[in-house]
Structures are given as structure tokens and as C-alpha cells.
C-alpha atoms as a PDB file:
ATOM      1  CA  MET A   1     108.867 -39.658 102.097  1.00  0.00           C
ATOM      2  CA  TYR A   2     108.625 -42.278  99.310  1.00  0.00           C
ATOM      3  CA  ASN A   3     113.153 -42.174  98.888  1.00  0.00           C
ATOM      4  CA  GLY A   4     114.366 -45.531  99.875  1.00  0.00           C
ATOM      5  CA  LYS A   5     110.542 -46.987 100.296  1.00  0.00           C
ATOM      6  CA  ARG A   6     109.084 -50.257  98.219  1.00  0.00           C
ATOM      7  CA  PHE A   7     106.516 -49.868  96.281  1.00  0.00           C
ATOM      8  CA  ALA A   8     103.973 -52.780  94.498  1.00  0.00           C
ATOM      9  CA  VAL A   9     103.147 -51.290  90.874  1.00  0.00           C
ATOM     10  CA  VAL A  10      99.868 -53.016  89.929  1.00  0.00           C
ATOM     11  CA  LEU A  11      98.179 -52.781  87.032  1.00  0.00           C
ATOM     12  CA  ASN A  12      94.989 -53.812  85.586  1.00  0.00           C
ATOM     13  CA  VAL A  13      95.118 -52.941  81.736  1.00  0.00           C
ATOM     14  CA  ALA A  14      91.998 -54.435  79.259  1.00  0.00           C
ATOM     15  CA  GLY A  15      91.042 -56.697  82.243  1.00  0.00           C
ATOM     16  CA  ARG A  16      94.640 -58.398  83.456  1.00  0.00           C
ATOM     17  CA  HIS A  17      96.253 -57.610  87.107  1.00  0.00           C
ATOM     18  CA  ARG A  18      99.814 -57.500  87.239  1.00  0.00           C
ATOM     19  CA  VAL A  19     101.793 -56.194  89.655  1.00  0.00           C
ATOM     20  CA  ILE A  20     105.469 -55.470  89.511  1.00  0.00           C
ATOM     21  CA  SER A  21     107.708 -54.169  92.449  1.00  0.00           C
ATOM     22  CA  GLY A  22     110.185 -51.931  93.404  1.00  0.00           C
ATOM     23  CA  ILE A  23     112.189 -48.818  95.396  1.00  0.00           C
ATOM     24  CA  GLY A  24     110.911 -45.772  94.982  1.00  0.00           C
ATOM     25  CA  ALA A  25     112.232 -41.891  94.895  1.00  0.00           C
ATOM     26  CA  TYR A  26     111.192 -39.087  94.865  1.00  0.00           C
ATOM     27  CA  ASP A  27     112.585 -36.052  92.459  1.00  0.00           C
ATOM     28  CA  PHE A  28     111.946 -32.954  90.421  1.00  0.00           C
ATOM     29  CA  ASP A  29     112.671 -33.631  86.573  1.00  0.00           C
ATOM     30  CA  ARG A  30     113.758 -30.358  84.918  1.00  0.00           C
ATOM     31  CA  ASP A  31     111.603 -31.024  82.364  1.00  0.00           C
ATOM     32  CA  LEU A  32     108.244 -32.958  83.893  1.00  0.00           C
ATOM     33  CA  GLY A  33     108.219 -31.560  87.285  1.00  0.00           C
ATOM     34  CA  PRO A  34     107.528 -33.708  90.134  1.00  0.00           C
ATOM     35  CA  VAL A  35     107.984 -37.858  89.795  1.00  0.00           C
ATOM     36  CA  LEU A  36     108.409 -40.881  91.141  1.00  0.00           C
ATOM     37  CA  ARG A  37     111.000 -42.776  90.148  1.00  0.00           C
ATOM     38  CA  VAL A  38     110.233 -46.700  90.960  1.00  0.00           C
ATOM     39  CA  ASN A  39     113.738 -48.630  90.134  1.00  0.00           C
ATOM     40  CA  LEU A  40     112.422 -51.877  89.573  1.00  0.00           C
ATOM     41  CA  GLN A  41     113.794 -55.003  91.277  1.00  0.00           C
ATOM     42  CA  ASP A  42     115.815 -57.218  87.973  1.00  0.00           C
ATOM     43  CA  ASP A  43     114.322 -60.471  88.692  1.00  0.00           C
ATOM     44  CA  GLU A  44     114.356 -62.456  85.267  1.00  0.00           C
ATOM     45  CA  ASP A  45     111.343 -64.709  85.756  1.00  0.00           C
ATOM     46  CA  SER A  46     108.590 -61.253  86.954  1.00  0.00           C
ATOM     47  CA  ASP A  47     107.119 -59.762  84.477  1.00  0.00           C
ATOM     48  CA  ASN A  48     109.515 -56.634  84.640  1.00  0.00           C
ATOM     49  CA  ALA A  49     112.668 -58.627  83.551  1.00  0.00           C
ATOM     50  CA  GLY A  50     114.546 -55.802  81.733  1.00  0.00           C
ATOM     51  CA  HIS A  51     112.851 -52.898  82.136  1.00  0.00           C
ATOM     52  CA  GLN A  52     114.551 -50.856  84.977  1.00  0.00           C
ATOM     53  CA  THR A  53     112.979 -47.649  86.195  1.00  0.00           C
ATOM     54  CA  LEU A  54     109.187 -46.211  85.518  1.00  0.00           C
ATOM     55  CA  LEU A  55     108.859 -42.699  86.019  1.00  0.00           C
ATOM     56  CA  VAL A  56     105.966 -40.787  87.113  1.00  0.00           C
ATOM     57  CA  GLN A  57     105.054 -37.365  86.542  1.00  0.00           C
ATOM     58  CA  GLN A  58     103.251 -36.487  89.492  1.00  0.00           C
ATOM     59  CA  GLU A  59     100.366 -33.868  87.477  1.00  0.00           C
ATOM     60  CA  ALA A  60     100.210 -36.774  85.194  1.00  0.00           C
ATOM     61  CA  LEU A  61      98.640 -39.187  87.738  1.00  0.00           C
ATOM     62  CA  ARG A  62      96.375 -41.406  87.116  1.00  0.00           C
ATOM     63  CA  GLY A  63      96.248 -43.279  89.695  1.00  0.00           C
ATOM     64  CA  ARG A  64      96.791 -43.918  93.246  1.00  0.00           C
ATOM     65  CA  VAL A  65      99.520 -43.864  95.971  1.00  0.00           C
ATOM     66  CA  LEU A  66      98.466 -46.058  98.447  1.00  0.00           C
ATOM     67  CA  ALA A  67     100.407 -46.705 101.965  1.00  0.00           C
ATOM     68  CA  ASP A  68      99.561 -50.696 102.204  1.00  0.00           C
ATOM     69  CA  ASP A  69     101.715 -53.989 102.615  1.00  0.00           C
ATOM     70  CA  GLN A  70      99.493 -56.059 100.974  1.00  0.00           C
ATOM     71  CA  TYR A  71     102.094 -57.713  98.427  1.00  0.00           C
ATOM     72  CA  GLY A  72     105.337 -57.157 101.104  1.00  0.00           C
ATOM     73  CA  CYS A  73     105.885 -53.203 100.121  1.00  0.00           C
ATOM     74  CA  ASP A  74     105.712 -50.080 102.291  1.00  0.00           C
ATOM     75  CA  PHE A  75     103.177 -48.043  98.866  1.00  0.00           C
ATOM     76  CA  ARG A  76     100.879 -49.277  96.419  1.00  0.00           C
ATOM     77  CA  LEU A  77     100.846 -47.745  93.260  1.00  0.00           C
ATOM     78  CA  GLU A  78      97.632 -48.410  91.320  1.00  0.00           C
ATOM     79  CA  PHE A  79      96.826 -47.998  87.971  1.00  0.00           C
ATOM     80  CA  ALA A  80      93.538 -48.480  85.349  1.00  0.00           C
ATOM     81  CA  THR A  81      93.811 -48.900  81.777  1.00  0.00           C
ATOM     82  CA  THR A  82      91.761 -49.917  79.100  1.00  0.00           C
ATOM     83  CA  MET A  83      92.485 -50.759  75.634  1.00  0.00           C
ATOM     84  CA  SER A  84      90.443 -50.506  72.962  1.00  0.00           C
END
């Protein structure tokens, strides 16, 4: 379902909103179990410059995946984090 689909990864960290995007691949990792890999697009002007893959362990996901084209992608993966 997620393989080859475009993902917008929405991060809300300490009140700052960031969106990065890439292509998803659902996989099974021997050590982590089911994981979603988002291979981030290589864009030097974006917030994800220099990064390659976001790895999300299904059992530890503290966010949500929604079918949504709000950011020009097939799915939206949202994370909310507070930093003290």
C-alpha cells in the first residue's frame, strides 16, 4: 500500500512546523520489525538537505499516517514533539 507512494512528513517540534517529503517503502527489518522507510528527496534548499532516509518503526510510531494530498503527496505522516 505504501510502496512507491509520496509521503509528506509533517514535524511540529517546539512550535515550529516543518514539512519534508519523499517516497515510501514498507519493509520488515530483522531487528526493528515492520518499518516504513521514507527516502527523502534530495533538495539542497529544503529542510532535509543532506539526509537520505527516515525510518519509522511501526510499533513505536507516535504519530499518524493519513491519505492526504495537502502537500502534493499521497500520504501525510504527522509527528508532534515537545522539547524542554
